[in-house]
Amino acid sequence: MLNLDQLQVAVAAAKRQFDRICGKYPELKVRLMTGEPASFLVMSLPGGQIGIDSSPTEILSKFPAMVVDDSTKVSALNLLVRMSGVTKDAEMERLEKQLDQLISKLKYDEKCRVEIRFNDLNYDLVWKLQVDDLVDRSLTLQTKASIRIVLGTLAQFERTIPPSTRRKQRSSRASHVKCHDPRAFFQNPVAASRQSAAFFARTQKVGGALPRRRYAG
C-alpha cells in the first residue's frame, strides 16, 4: 500500500513517463475539435478508474476501491456523506478540516495500474504502443483484441524516484490534500448513503468511475 506522499511521487513519475511516450508519439497529445486531448492517463483497477490528476477526495468519493479498506477510510466516507447535506459555511469549514486530517492518513492500492485511455482511437498507434519499450509489456497484451496500454503500477513508479525528488514532491503536498467541495461529488445524498453502506457490508460497488468504453484485456 502507498501513503499520500508515495502516491504523489508515483503519479509524478507516471506523468513523466507519459511525456516521454508523447515525445515519441506526438499524436497522443493532439487536441481534438472538442478541446479534449487525443489521450490521457488514468489509474485503474478491475472495478473502475479515475483520472491521474484526481485529488485524494475525488479518489475517495468517486473511486473508493483504490483506497485501502481500514477504519480511516470508513470514517472519511461517513464524513463525506455528512458533508453532502451541510448548508452552513461554518459547519462545512469545520467538517472540511476533519476530512483533511483523515485524507492525509489514507492508504492506496499499490497494484493500481497507470493506463492510457483514448478520446480518439487510432488502432495503428495502439498496436505500436503495445510493443514499445516505454510501456509495461508484461502488463500490456500484445494482441489486436485489446486496446489497453499499461505504463506500469503505482508501486513500480513510486520506486523510480530518487530521494531528492521525493522531498520536492512532499513540499507541494498541502495543495493536493485540501479537499474540493464534497457537495459536488454527492449530488444525490441517498446515493451517497448507499455507497457508504455498501462499503460497510463489504459489497462495495464503484460508482461514477467506469470507463467510457469497455477495454478488452
N, C-alpha and C. Protein backbone atom coordinates (compact mmCIF):
# COMPACT_ATOMS: atom_id res chain seq x y z
N MET A 1 0.84 -1.20 0.00
CA MET A 1 0.00 0.00 0.00
C MET A 1 0.88 1.25 0.00
N LEU A 2 0.33 2.34 -0.47
CA LEU A 2 1.05 3.61 -0.56
C LEU A 2 0.37 4.67 0.29
N ASN A 3 1.17 5.50 0.97
CA ASN A 3 0.59 6.66 1.64
C ASN A 3 0.47 7.80 0.63
N LEU A 4 -0.02 8.95 1.08
CA LEU A 4 -0.26 10.05 0.16
C LEU A 4 1.03 10.56 -0.49
N ASP A 5 2.09 10.68 0.30
CA ASP A 5 3.37 11.11 -0.26
C ASP A 5 3.82 10.18 -1.38
N GLN A 6 3.72 8.90 -1.11
CA GLN A 6 4.16 7.91 -2.10
C GLN A 6 3.28 7.92 -3.34
N LEU A 7 1.98 8.14 -3.14
CA LEU A 7 1.08 8.24 -4.28
C LEU A 7 1.46 9.41 -5.17
N GLN A 8 1.75 10.56 -4.57
CA GLN A 8 2.11 11.74 -5.34
C GLN A 8 3.42 11.53 -6.09
N VAL A 9 4.35 10.84 -5.45
CA VAL A 9 5.62 10.52 -6.11
C VAL A 9 5.36 9.63 -7.32
N ALA A 10 4.52 8.61 -7.14
CA ALA A 10 4.22 7.68 -8.23
C ALA A 10 3.52 8.37 -9.39
N VAL A 11 2.56 9.24 -9.08
CA VAL A 11 1.83 9.98 -10.11
C VAL A 11 2.78 10.87 -10.92
N ALA A 12 3.68 11.56 -10.23
CA ALA A 12 4.63 12.43 -10.93
C ALA A 12 5.52 11.62 -11.86
N ALA A 13 5.97 10.45 -11.40
CA ALA A 13 6.82 9.60 -12.23
C ALA A 13 6.06 9.07 -13.44
N ALA A 14 4.81 8.69 -13.24
CA ALA A 14 3.99 8.18 -14.34
C ALA A 14 3.75 9.25 -15.40
N LYS A 15 3.53 10.48 -14.97
CA LYS A 15 3.29 11.58 -15.90
C LYS A 15 4.56 11.90 -16.71
N ARG A 16 5.71 11.77 -16.05
CA ARG A 16 6.96 11.98 -16.80
C ARG A 16 7.16 10.89 -17.85
N GLN A 17 6.79 9.67 -17.50
CA GLN A 17 6.90 8.59 -18.47
C GLN A 17 5.95 8.82 -19.65
N PHE A 18 4.76 9.31 -19.34
CA PHE A 18 3.79 9.61 -20.40
C PHE A 18 4.32 10.72 -21.30
N ASP A 19 4.98 11.71 -20.73
CA ASP A 19 5.58 12.78 -21.52
C ASP A 19 6.62 12.22 -22.49
N ARG A 20 7.40 11.25 -22.02
CA ARG A 20 8.39 10.62 -22.90
C ARG A 20 7.71 9.88 -24.05
N ILE A 21 6.63 9.21 -23.73
CA ILE A 21 5.88 8.50 -24.78
C ILE A 21 5.29 9.48 -25.78
N CYS A 22 4.74 10.58 -25.28
CA CYS A 22 4.15 11.59 -26.16
C CYS A 22 5.22 12.26 -27.02
N GLY A 23 6.44 12.35 -26.49
CA GLY A 23 7.53 12.89 -27.30
C GLY A 23 7.84 12.00 -28.49
N LYS A 24 7.65 10.71 -28.31
CA LYS A 24 7.88 9.75 -29.39
C LYS A 24 6.68 9.63 -30.30
N TYR A 25 5.48 9.80 -29.72
CA TYR A 25 4.24 9.70 -30.49
C TYR A 25 3.41 10.97 -30.25
N PRO A 26 3.76 12.08 -30.91
CA PRO A 26 3.11 13.37 -30.64
C PRO A 26 1.60 13.37 -30.91
N GLU A 27 1.13 12.42 -31.69
CA GLU A 27 -0.32 12.37 -31.96
C GLU A 27 -1.13 12.08 -30.70
N LEU A 28 -0.48 11.58 -29.66
CA LEU A 28 -1.17 11.32 -28.40
C LEU A 28 -1.61 12.61 -27.71
N LYS A 29 -0.92 13.72 -28.00
CA LYS A 29 -1.21 14.99 -27.35
C LYS A 29 -2.01 15.94 -28.23
N VAL A 30 -2.39 15.52 -29.39
CA VAL A 30 -3.17 16.38 -30.29
C VAL A 30 -4.50 16.75 -29.64
N ARG A 31 -4.89 18.00 -29.80
CA ARG A 31 -6.17 18.46 -29.28
C ARG A 31 -7.26 18.22 -30.32
N LEU A 32 -8.36 17.62 -29.89
CA LEU A 32 -9.46 17.33 -30.79
C LEU A 32 -10.34 18.56 -30.97
N MET A 33 -11.31 18.47 -31.86
CA MET A 33 -12.24 19.58 -32.10
C MET A 33 -12.99 19.95 -30.83
N THR A 34 -13.19 18.98 -29.95
CA THR A 34 -13.90 19.21 -28.69
C THR A 34 -13.03 19.91 -27.65
N GLY A 35 -11.73 20.03 -27.94
CA GLY A 35 -10.81 20.61 -26.98
C GLY A 35 -10.14 19.57 -26.10
N GLU A 36 -10.60 18.33 -26.19
CA GLU A 36 -10.01 17.25 -25.39
C GLU A 36 -8.71 16.76 -26.04
N PRO A 37 -7.78 16.24 -25.24
CA PRO A 37 -6.58 15.63 -25.80
C PRO A 37 -6.92 14.28 -26.41
N ALA A 38 -6.12 13.84 -27.36
CA ALA A 38 -6.38 12.56 -28.01
C ALA A 38 -6.25 11.40 -27.02
N SER A 39 -5.45 11.58 -25.98
CA SER A 39 -5.27 10.52 -24.98
C SER A 39 -5.04 11.14 -23.61
N PHE A 40 -5.19 10.34 -22.58
CA PHE A 40 -4.99 10.81 -21.21
C PHE A 40 -4.69 9.61 -20.32
N LEU A 41 -4.20 9.89 -19.12
CA LEU A 41 -3.83 8.83 -18.18
C LEU A 41 -4.92 8.62 -17.12
N VAL A 42 -5.08 7.36 -16.73
CA VAL A 42 -5.97 7.02 -15.63
C VAL A 42 -5.25 6.07 -14.69
N MET A 43 -5.73 6.01 -13.46
CA MET A 43 -5.33 4.98 -12.51
C MET A 43 -6.46 3.97 -12.50
N SER A 44 -6.13 2.70 -12.71
CA SER A 44 -7.15 1.71 -12.99
C SER A 44 -7.00 0.44 -12.16
N LEU A 45 -8.15 -0.09 -11.77
CA LEU A 45 -8.28 -1.41 -11.15
C LEU A 45 -9.41 -2.13 -11.88
N PRO A 46 -9.55 -3.43 -11.69
CA PRO A 46 -10.63 -4.14 -12.38
C PRO A 46 -12.01 -3.54 -12.16
N GLY A 47 -12.24 -2.86 -11.01
CA GLY A 47 -13.56 -2.32 -10.72
C GLY A 47 -13.83 -0.94 -11.28
N GLY A 48 -12.83 -0.26 -11.85
CA GLY A 48 -13.07 1.08 -12.36
C GLY A 48 -11.78 1.85 -12.57
N GLN A 49 -11.90 3.16 -12.69
CA GLN A 49 -10.74 4.01 -12.98
C GLN A 49 -11.02 5.44 -12.56
N ILE A 50 -9.93 6.25 -12.51
CA ILE A 50 -10.08 7.67 -12.22
C ILE A 50 -8.89 8.39 -12.85
N GLY A 51 -9.07 9.65 -13.21
CA GLY A 51 -8.03 10.42 -13.85
C GLY A 51 -6.78 10.54 -13.01
N ILE A 52 -5.63 10.61 -13.66
CA ILE A 52 -4.33 10.63 -12.97
C ILE A 52 -4.19 11.85 -12.07
N ASP A 53 -4.84 12.96 -12.38
CA ASP A 53 -4.70 14.19 -11.60
C ASP A 53 -5.77 14.35 -10.53
N SER A 54 -6.53 13.32 -10.27
CA SER A 54 -7.61 13.40 -9.29
C SER A 54 -7.05 13.63 -7.88
N SER A 55 -7.74 14.45 -7.12
CA SER A 55 -7.33 14.72 -5.74
C SER A 55 -7.67 13.53 -4.86
N PRO A 56 -7.09 13.46 -3.65
CA PRO A 56 -7.44 12.38 -2.73
C PRO A 56 -8.93 12.31 -2.42
N THR A 57 -9.57 13.48 -2.30
CA THR A 57 -11.01 13.49 -2.02
C THR A 57 -11.79 12.92 -3.19
N GLU A 58 -11.39 13.26 -4.40
CA GLU A 58 -12.05 12.70 -5.58
C GLU A 58 -11.86 11.20 -5.66
N ILE A 59 -10.67 10.74 -5.36
CA ILE A 59 -10.41 9.29 -5.37
C ILE A 59 -11.32 8.59 -4.37
N LEU A 60 -11.39 9.12 -3.16
CA LEU A 60 -12.21 8.50 -2.12
C LEU A 60 -13.68 8.46 -2.50
N SER A 61 -14.19 9.56 -3.06
CA SER A 61 -15.62 9.65 -3.34
C SER A 61 -16.03 8.99 -4.65
N LYS A 62 -15.17 9.04 -5.67
CA LYS A 62 -15.53 8.53 -6.98
C LYS A 62 -14.96 7.14 -7.27
N PHE A 63 -13.86 6.80 -6.61
CA PHE A 63 -13.19 5.53 -6.89
C PHE A 63 -12.67 4.93 -5.57
N PRO A 64 -13.57 4.67 -4.62
CA PRO A 64 -13.14 4.19 -3.30
C PRO A 64 -12.42 2.86 -3.32
N ALA A 65 -12.59 2.07 -4.38
CA ALA A 65 -11.89 0.79 -4.46
C ALA A 65 -10.37 0.98 -4.47
N MET A 66 -9.90 2.15 -4.86
CA MET A 66 -8.46 2.41 -4.90
C MET A 66 -7.90 2.66 -3.50
N VAL A 67 -8.77 3.01 -2.56
CA VAL A 67 -8.34 3.30 -1.19
C VAL A 67 -8.40 2.01 -0.37
N VAL A 68 -7.33 1.72 0.34
CA VAL A 68 -7.25 0.50 1.14
C VAL A 68 -8.29 0.54 2.26
N ASP A 69 -8.99 -0.57 2.45
CA ASP A 69 -10.01 -0.66 3.49
C ASP A 69 -9.39 -0.61 4.88
N ASP A 70 -9.78 0.38 5.66
CA ASP A 70 -9.38 0.45 7.07
C ASP A 70 -10.32 1.41 7.78
N SER A 71 -10.10 1.62 9.07
CA SER A 71 -11.01 2.47 9.85
C SER A 71 -10.98 3.93 9.38
N THR A 72 -9.83 4.39 8.88
CA THR A 72 -9.75 5.76 8.39
C THR A 72 -10.63 5.96 7.16
N LYS A 73 -10.63 4.99 6.27
CA LYS A 73 -11.49 5.06 5.08
C LYS A 73 -12.96 5.08 5.49
N VAL A 74 -13.33 4.25 6.46
CA VAL A 74 -14.71 4.22 6.94
C VAL A 74 -15.11 5.60 7.46
N SER A 75 -14.26 6.19 8.29
CA SER A 75 -14.56 7.50 8.88
C SER A 75 -14.65 8.58 7.80
N ALA A 76 -13.75 8.54 6.84
CA ALA A 76 -13.74 9.55 5.78
C ALA A 76 -14.99 9.44 4.90
N LEU A 77 -15.39 8.22 4.56
CA LEU A 77 -16.60 8.04 3.76
C LEU A 77 -17.83 8.53 4.51
N ASN A 78 -17.90 8.21 5.78
CA ASN A 78 -19.03 8.68 6.58
C ASN A 78 -19.06 10.20 6.65
N LEU A 79 -17.90 10.81 6.77
CA LEU A 79 -17.82 12.26 6.85
C LEU A 79 -18.26 12.90 5.54
N LEU A 80 -17.89 12.31 4.42
CA LEU A 80 -18.33 12.82 3.12
C LEU A 80 -19.84 12.79 3.01
N VAL A 81 -20.45 11.72 3.51
CA VAL A 81 -21.91 11.63 3.47
C VAL A 81 -22.54 12.73 4.32
N ARG A 82 -21.97 12.97 5.49
CA ARG A 82 -22.48 14.04 6.36
C ARG A 82 -22.36 15.40 5.67
N MET A 83 -21.24 15.62 5.00
CA MET A 83 -20.98 16.92 4.36
C MET A 83 -21.92 17.17 3.19
N SER A 84 -22.46 16.11 2.61
CA SER A 84 -23.33 16.29 1.45
C SER A 84 -24.60 17.05 1.78
N GLY A 85 -24.99 17.01 3.07
CA GLY A 85 -26.21 17.68 3.46
C GLY A 85 -26.01 18.99 4.20
N VAL A 86 -24.76 19.42 4.35
CA VAL A 86 -24.45 20.65 5.09
C VAL A 86 -24.69 21.88 4.22
N THR A 87 -25.35 22.89 4.78
CA THR A 87 -25.63 24.13 4.04
C THR A 87 -24.95 25.34 4.66
N LYS A 88 -24.55 25.24 5.92
CA LYS A 88 -23.93 26.37 6.60
C LYS A 88 -22.41 26.36 6.38
N ASP A 89 -21.87 27.51 5.98
CA ASP A 89 -20.45 27.60 5.66
C ASP A 89 -19.57 27.26 6.86
N ALA A 90 -19.95 27.71 8.04
CA ALA A 90 -19.13 27.48 9.23
C ALA A 90 -19.03 25.99 9.54
N GLU A 91 -20.16 25.30 9.41
CA GLU A 91 -20.17 23.86 9.65
C GLU A 91 -19.37 23.12 8.59
N MET A 92 -19.51 23.56 7.33
CA MET A 92 -18.76 22.93 6.25
C MET A 92 -17.26 23.10 6.46
N GLU A 93 -16.85 24.28 6.88
CA GLU A 93 -15.43 24.53 7.11
C GLU A 93 -14.89 23.62 8.22
N ARG A 94 -15.67 23.43 9.27
CA ARG A 94 -15.25 22.56 10.37
C ARG A 94 -15.10 21.11 9.90
N LEU A 95 -16.06 20.64 9.11
CA LEU A 95 -16.01 19.27 8.62
C LEU A 95 -14.89 19.08 7.60
N GLU A 96 -14.62 20.12 6.80
CA GLU A 96 -13.53 20.03 5.83
C GLU A 96 -12.19 19.84 6.52
N LYS A 97 -12.01 20.51 7.65
CA LYS A 97 -10.76 20.36 8.39
C LYS A 97 -10.62 18.93 8.91
N GLN A 98 -11.72 18.36 9.37
CA GLN A 98 -11.70 16.97 9.83
C GLN A 98 -11.38 16.03 8.67
N LEU A 99 -11.98 16.33 7.52
CA LEU A 99 -11.75 15.47 6.35
C LEU A 99 -10.30 15.56 5.90
N ASP A 100 -9.72 16.76 5.90
CA ASP A 100 -8.32 16.91 5.50
C ASP A 100 -7.41 16.04 6.37
N GLN A 101 -7.71 15.99 7.66
CA GLN A 101 -6.89 15.17 8.56
C GLN A 101 -7.01 13.69 8.23
N LEU A 102 -8.22 13.26 7.91
CA LEU A 102 -8.42 11.86 7.56
C LEU A 102 -7.80 11.53 6.21
N ILE A 103 -7.97 12.43 5.24
CA ILE A 103 -7.45 12.21 3.89
C ILE A 103 -5.94 11.97 3.92
N SER A 104 -5.25 12.72 4.76
CA SER A 104 -3.79 12.61 4.82
C SER A 104 -3.33 11.25 5.34
N LYS A 105 -4.24 10.50 5.96
CA LYS A 105 -3.88 9.21 6.54
C LYS A 105 -4.33 8.02 5.69
N LEU A 106 -5.01 8.28 4.59
CA LEU A 106 -5.49 7.19 3.74
C LEU A 106 -4.33 6.46 3.08
N LYS A 107 -4.55 5.19 2.77
CA LYS A 107 -3.58 4.37 2.06
C LYS A 107 -4.19 3.95 0.72
N TYR A 108 -3.33 3.77 -0.27
CA TYR A 108 -3.81 3.49 -1.63
C TYR A 108 -3.25 2.18 -2.16
N ASP A 109 -4.02 1.53 -3.01
CA ASP A 109 -3.64 0.23 -3.56
C ASP A 109 -2.46 0.39 -4.51
N GLU A 110 -1.31 -0.16 -4.14
CA GLU A 110 -0.11 -0.02 -4.96
C GLU A 110 -0.18 -0.83 -6.24
N LYS A 111 -1.13 -1.76 -6.33
CA LYS A 111 -1.27 -2.56 -7.54
C LYS A 111 -2.08 -1.84 -8.62
N CYS A 112 -2.61 -0.69 -8.27
CA CYS A 112 -3.37 0.11 -9.23
C CYS A 112 -2.48 0.43 -10.43
N ARG A 113 -3.00 0.25 -11.62
CA ARG A 113 -2.21 0.45 -12.84
C ARG A 113 -2.43 1.84 -13.43
N VAL A 114 -1.39 2.36 -14.03
CA VAL A 114 -1.50 3.62 -14.78
C VAL A 114 -1.63 3.24 -16.25
N GLU A 115 -2.71 3.66 -16.87
CA GLU A 115 -3.00 3.25 -18.24
C GLU A 115 -3.35 4.45 -19.12
N ILE A 116 -3.15 4.29 -20.40
CA ILE A 116 -3.53 5.31 -21.38
C ILE A 116 -4.96 5.03 -21.84
N ARG A 117 -5.77 6.07 -21.87
CA ARG A 117 -7.10 5.99 -22.47
C ARG A 117 -7.14 6.93 -23.67
N PHE A 118 -8.03 6.65 -24.58
CA PHE A 118 -8.07 7.38 -25.85
C PHE A 118 -9.42 8.05 -26.07
N ASN A 119 -9.39 9.35 -26.33
CA ASN A 119 -10.59 10.06 -26.79
C ASN A 119 -10.73 9.94 -28.31
N ASP A 120 -9.62 9.69 -28.96
CA ASP A 120 -9.60 9.48 -30.41
C ASP A 120 -8.79 8.22 -30.66
N LEU A 121 -9.49 7.13 -30.95
CA LEU A 121 -8.84 5.83 -31.01
C LEU A 121 -8.18 5.60 -32.37
N ASN A 122 -6.86 5.49 -32.33
CA ASN A 122 -6.04 5.22 -33.52
C ASN A 122 -5.47 3.82 -33.36
N TYR A 123 -6.05 2.86 -34.04
CA TYR A 123 -5.64 1.46 -33.85
C TYR A 123 -4.19 1.21 -34.24
N ASP A 124 -3.75 1.83 -35.31
CA ASP A 124 -2.36 1.63 -35.72
C ASP A 124 -1.41 2.11 -34.63
N LEU A 125 -1.74 3.22 -33.98
CA LEU A 125 -0.92 3.73 -32.89
C LEU A 125 -0.96 2.79 -31.69
N VAL A 126 -2.12 2.23 -31.41
CA VAL A 126 -2.25 1.28 -30.29
C VAL A 126 -1.35 0.08 -30.51
N TRP A 127 -1.33 -0.43 -31.73
CA TRP A 127 -0.50 -1.62 -32.00
C TRP A 127 0.98 -1.29 -31.80
N LYS A 128 1.38 -0.08 -32.17
CA LYS A 128 2.78 0.34 -31.96
C LYS A 128 3.11 0.46 -30.47
N LEU A 129 2.18 1.03 -29.73
CA LEU A 129 2.41 1.22 -28.31
C LEU A 129 2.51 -0.12 -27.57
N GLN A 130 1.76 -1.10 -28.03
CA GLN A 130 1.75 -2.40 -27.35
C GLN A 130 3.14 -3.03 -27.28
N VAL A 131 3.99 -2.75 -28.24
CA VAL A 131 5.31 -3.39 -28.29
C VAL A 131 6.44 -2.42 -28.00
N ASP A 132 6.09 -1.20 -27.55
CA ASP A 132 7.12 -0.20 -27.28
C ASP A 132 7.75 -0.44 -25.91
N ASP A 133 9.06 -0.20 -25.81
CA ASP A 133 9.76 -0.39 -24.54
C ASP A 133 9.33 0.61 -23.47
N LEU A 134 8.68 1.70 -23.85
CA LEU A 134 8.27 2.72 -22.89
C LEU A 134 7.01 2.34 -22.12
N VAL A 135 6.31 1.28 -22.54
CA VAL A 135 5.16 0.78 -21.78
C VAL A 135 5.56 -0.51 -21.09
N ASP A 136 4.74 -0.94 -20.15
CA ASP A 136 5.00 -2.20 -19.46
C ASP A 136 4.43 -3.33 -20.32
N ARG A 137 5.30 -3.99 -21.06
CA ARG A 137 4.83 -5.03 -21.98
C ARG A 137 4.40 -6.30 -21.27
N SER A 138 4.78 -6.45 -20.01
CA SER A 138 4.33 -7.62 -19.25
C SER A 138 2.88 -7.46 -18.81
N LEU A 139 2.41 -6.21 -18.72
CA LEU A 139 1.03 -5.94 -18.33
C LEU A 139 0.16 -5.52 -19.51
N THR A 140 0.78 -5.21 -20.63
CA THR A 140 0.06 -4.81 -21.85
C THR A 140 -0.01 -5.98 -22.81
N LEU A 141 -1.22 -6.38 -23.15
CA LEU A 141 -1.37 -7.51 -24.07
C LEU A 141 -0.95 -7.10 -25.47
N GLN A 142 -0.15 -7.94 -26.12
CA GLN A 142 0.25 -7.70 -27.49
C GLN A 142 -0.71 -8.44 -28.42
N THR A 143 -1.90 -7.89 -28.54
CA THR A 143 -2.92 -8.51 -29.37
C THR A 143 -3.88 -7.45 -29.88
N LYS A 144 -4.43 -7.66 -31.05
CA LYS A 144 -5.38 -6.72 -31.62
C LYS A 144 -6.75 -6.85 -30.98
N ALA A 145 -6.88 -7.79 -30.03
CA ALA A 145 -8.14 -7.93 -29.30
C ALA A 145 -8.21 -6.98 -28.12
N SER A 146 -7.12 -6.25 -27.86
CA SER A 146 -7.07 -5.35 -26.71
C SER A 146 -6.54 -3.98 -27.11
N ILE A 147 -7.09 -2.94 -26.50
CA ILE A 147 -6.56 -1.58 -26.72
C ILE A 147 -6.08 -1.00 -25.40
N ARG A 148 -5.85 -1.85 -24.42
CA ARG A 148 -5.36 -1.41 -23.11
C ARG A 148 -3.85 -1.24 -23.14
N ILE A 149 -3.39 -0.04 -22.84
CA ILE A 149 -1.96 0.26 -22.80
C ILE A 149 -1.59 0.60 -21.36
N VAL A 150 -0.77 -0.25 -20.75
CA VAL A 150 -0.40 -0.09 -19.34
C VAL A 150 1.04 0.42 -19.24
N LEU A 151 1.22 1.53 -18.53
CA LEU A 151 2.57 2.07 -18.33
C LEU A 151 3.26 1.39 -17.16
N GLY A 152 2.50 0.89 -16.20
CA GLY A 152 3.06 0.24 -15.03
C GLY A 152 2.12 0.39 -13.85
N THR A 153 2.52 -0.14 -12.70
CA THR A 153 1.73 0.01 -11.48
C THR A 153 2.22 1.21 -10.68
N LEU A 154 1.41 1.67 -9.76
CA LEU A 154 1.83 2.76 -8.88
C LEU A 154 3.06 2.37 -8.08
N ALA A 155 3.13 1.12 -7.66
CA ALA A 155 4.28 0.65 -6.89
C ALA A 155 5.56 0.75 -7.71
N GLN A 156 5.48 0.38 -8.98
CA GLN A 156 6.65 0.47 -9.85
C GLN A 156 7.11 1.91 -10.01
N PHE A 157 6.18 2.81 -10.23
CA PHE A 157 6.55 4.21 -10.43
C PHE A 157 7.07 4.85 -9.15
N GLU A 158 6.53 4.46 -8.02
CA GLU A 158 6.97 5.02 -6.74
C GLU A 158 8.43 4.68 -6.47
N ARG A 159 8.87 3.54 -6.96
CA ARG A 159 10.25 3.10 -6.72
C ARG A 159 11.26 3.75 -7.67
N THR A 160 10.78 4.46 -8.68
CA THR A 160 11.70 5.02 -9.67
C THR A 160 12.22 6.40 -9.30
N ILE A 161 11.68 7.02 -8.25
CA ILE A 161 12.02 8.40 -7.92
C ILE A 161 13.14 8.45 -6.88
N PRO A 162 14.22 9.22 -7.12
CA PRO A 162 15.30 9.37 -6.14
C PRO A 162 14.84 10.16 -4.93
N PRO A 163 15.52 10.02 -3.77
CA PRO A 163 15.12 10.70 -2.54
C PRO A 163 14.99 12.21 -2.67
N SER A 164 15.88 12.87 -3.42
CA SER A 164 15.82 14.33 -3.55
C SER A 164 14.52 14.78 -4.19
N THR A 165 14.07 14.03 -5.19
CA THR A 165 12.82 14.36 -5.86
C THR A 165 11.63 14.11 -4.95
N ARG A 166 11.72 13.06 -4.11
CA ARG A 166 10.65 12.76 -3.17
C ARG A 166 10.42 13.94 -2.23
N ARG A 167 11.52 14.56 -1.77
CA ARG A 167 11.39 15.69 -0.86
C ARG A 167 10.68 16.86 -1.52
N LYS A 168 10.96 17.09 -2.81
CA LYS A 168 10.29 18.16 -3.53
C LYS A 168 8.81 17.87 -3.67
N GLN A 169 8.48 16.59 -3.89
CA GLN A 169 7.07 16.21 -4.02
C GLN A 169 6.33 16.47 -2.71
N ARG A 170 6.97 16.18 -1.57
CA ARG A 170 6.32 16.39 -0.28
C ARG A 170 6.02 17.86 -0.03
N SER A 171 6.87 18.75 -0.56
CA SER A 171 6.70 20.17 -0.30
C SER A 171 5.41 20.72 -0.90
N SER A 172 4.89 20.04 -1.93
CA SER A 172 3.65 20.51 -2.56
C SER A 172 2.44 19.72 -2.09
N ARG A 173 2.62 18.91 -1.07
CA ARG A 173 1.55 18.03 -0.63
C ARG A 173 0.29 18.77 -0.18
N ALA A 174 0.46 19.87 0.53
CA ALA A 174 -0.69 20.57 1.11
C ALA A 174 -1.70 20.97 0.05
N SER A 175 -1.25 21.40 -1.10
CA SER A 175 -2.17 21.86 -2.14
C SER A 175 -3.00 20.72 -2.69
N HIS A 176 -2.49 19.49 -2.58
CA HIS A 176 -3.24 18.35 -3.10
C HIS A 176 -4.15 17.76 -2.03
N VAL A 177 -3.80 17.93 -0.77
CA VAL A 177 -4.59 17.34 0.29
C VAL A 177 -5.91 18.07 0.46
N LYS A 178 -5.89 19.39 0.30
CA LYS A 178 -7.10 20.18 0.52
C LYS A 178 -8.25 19.64 -0.30
N CYS A 179 -9.36 19.36 0.35
CA CYS A 179 -10.48 18.72 -0.35
C CYS A 179 -11.25 19.72 -1.19
N HIS A 180 -11.86 19.22 -2.26
CA HIS A 180 -12.78 20.02 -3.06
C HIS A 180 -14.13 20.01 -2.36
N ASP A 181 -15.05 20.78 -2.85
CA ASP A 181 -16.37 20.83 -2.23
C ASP A 181 -17.04 19.47 -2.37
N PRO A 182 -17.23 18.74 -1.26
CA PRO A 182 -17.80 17.40 -1.34
C PRO A 182 -19.21 17.40 -1.88
N ARG A 183 -19.91 18.52 -1.80
CA ARG A 183 -21.27 18.55 -2.31
C ARG A 183 -21.30 18.33 -3.82
N ALA A 184 -20.20 18.62 -4.48
CA ALA A 184 -20.15 18.40 -5.92
C ALA A 184 -20.06 16.92 -6.25
N PHE A 185 -19.57 16.12 -5.31
CA PHE A 185 -19.42 14.68 -5.55
C PHE A 185 -20.69 13.92 -5.20
N PHE A 186 -21.49 14.46 -4.28
CA PHE A 186 -22.68 13.76 -3.84
C PHE A 186 -23.90 14.62 -4.13
N GLN A 187 -24.28 14.73 -5.37
CA GLN A 187 -25.46 15.49 -5.75
C GLN A 187 -26.71 14.80 -5.21
N ASN A 188 -26.63 13.50 -5.03
CA ASN A 188 -27.76 12.73 -4.53
C ASN A 188 -27.37 12.13 -3.18
N PRO A 189 -27.81 12.71 -2.05
CA PRO A 189 -27.44 12.21 -0.73
C PRO A 189 -27.83 10.75 -0.52
N VAL A 190 -28.94 10.31 -1.13
CA VAL A 190 -29.36 8.92 -0.98
C VAL A 190 -28.34 7.99 -1.60
N ALA A 191 -27.86 8.35 -2.79
CA ALA A 191 -26.84 7.54 -3.46
C ALA A 191 -25.57 7.50 -2.63
N ALA A 192 -25.24 8.65 -2.01
CA ALA A 192 -24.04 8.69 -1.18
C ALA A 192 -24.17 7.75 0.00
N SER A 193 -25.34 7.74 0.63
CA SER A 193 -25.55 6.87 1.78
C SER A 193 -25.47 5.40 1.37
N ARG A 194 -26.01 5.10 0.21
CA ARG A 194 -25.95 3.72 -0.26
C ARG A 194 -24.51 3.29 -0.52
N GLN A 195 -23.71 4.21 -1.06
CA GLN A 195 -22.31 3.87 -1.33
C GLN A 195 -21.58 3.56 -0.03
N SER A 196 -21.81 4.39 1.00
CA SER A 196 -21.16 4.16 2.28
C SER A 196 -21.65 2.86 2.90
N ALA A 197 -22.94 2.59 2.82
CA ALA A 197 -23.48 1.37 3.39
C ALA A 197 -22.92 0.15 2.69
N ALA A 198 -22.75 0.26 1.38
CA ALA A 198 -22.18 -0.86 0.62
C ALA A 198 -20.77 -1.17 1.08
N PHE A 199 -20.02 -0.13 1.41
CA PHE A 199 -18.67 -0.34 1.90
C PHE A 199 -18.68 -1.10 3.22
N PHE A 200 -19.56 -0.70 4.13
CA PHE A 200 -19.63 -1.37 5.43
C PHE A 200 -19.99 -2.84 5.26
N ALA A 201 -20.82 -3.14 4.28
CA ALA A 201 -21.25 -4.52 4.06
C ALA A 201 -20.23 -5.33 3.29
N ARG A 202 -19.11 -4.66 2.92
CA ARG A 202 -18.05 -5.32 2.15
C ARG A 202 -18.55 -5.83 0.80
N THR A 203 -19.57 -5.16 0.26
CA THR A 203 -20.02 -5.46 -1.10
C THR A 203 -19.93 -4.20 -1.91
N GLN A 204 -18.85 -3.49 -1.74
CA GLN A 204 -18.64 -2.16 -2.31
C GLN A 204 -18.69 -2.20 -3.83
N LYS A 205 -19.44 -1.27 -4.39
CA LYS A 205 -19.51 -1.11 -5.83
C LYS A 205 -18.92 0.24 -6.18
N VAL A 206 -18.19 0.33 -7.27
CA VAL A 206 -17.61 1.60 -7.69
C VAL A 206 -18.62 2.32 -8.56
N GLY A 207 -19.01 3.52 -8.16
CA GLY A 207 -19.99 4.29 -8.92
C GLY A 207 -19.37 5.50 -9.57
N GLY A 208 -19.77 5.80 -10.80
CA GLY A 208 -19.33 7.01 -11.46
C GLY A 208 -17.89 6.98 -11.92
N ALA A 209 -17.26 5.79 -11.91
CA ALA A 209 -15.85 5.76 -12.30
C ALA A 209 -15.58 4.73 -13.38
N LEU A 210 -16.65 4.24 -14.01
CA LEU A 210 -16.45 3.22 -15.02
C LEU A 210 -15.92 3.82 -16.31
N PRO A 211 -15.14 3.04 -17.07
CA PRO A 211 -14.59 3.55 -18.33
C PRO A 211 -15.69 3.97 -19.29
N ARG A 212 -15.36 4.90 -20.16
CA ARG A 212 -16.35 5.35 -21.15
C ARG A 212 -16.67 4.24 -22.14
N ARG A 213 -15.71 3.40 -22.39
CA ARG A 213 -15.94 2.25 -23.26
C ARG A 213 -15.23 1.06 -22.63
N ARG A 214 -15.64 -0.13 -22.99
CA ARG A 214 -15.02 -1.31 -22.44
C ARG A 214 -13.67 -1.56 -23.10
N TYR A 215 -12.73 -1.96 -22.27
CA TYR A 215 -11.39 -2.26 -22.76
C TYR A 215 -11.11 -3.74 -22.57
N ALA A 216 -10.84 -4.41 -23.65
CA ALA A 216 -10.51 -5.82 -23.54
C ALA A 216 -9.15 -5.98 -22.92
N GLY A 217 -8.91 -7.10 -22.26
CA GLY A 217 -7.58 -7.33 -21.71
C GLY A 217 -7.64 -7.88 -20.31
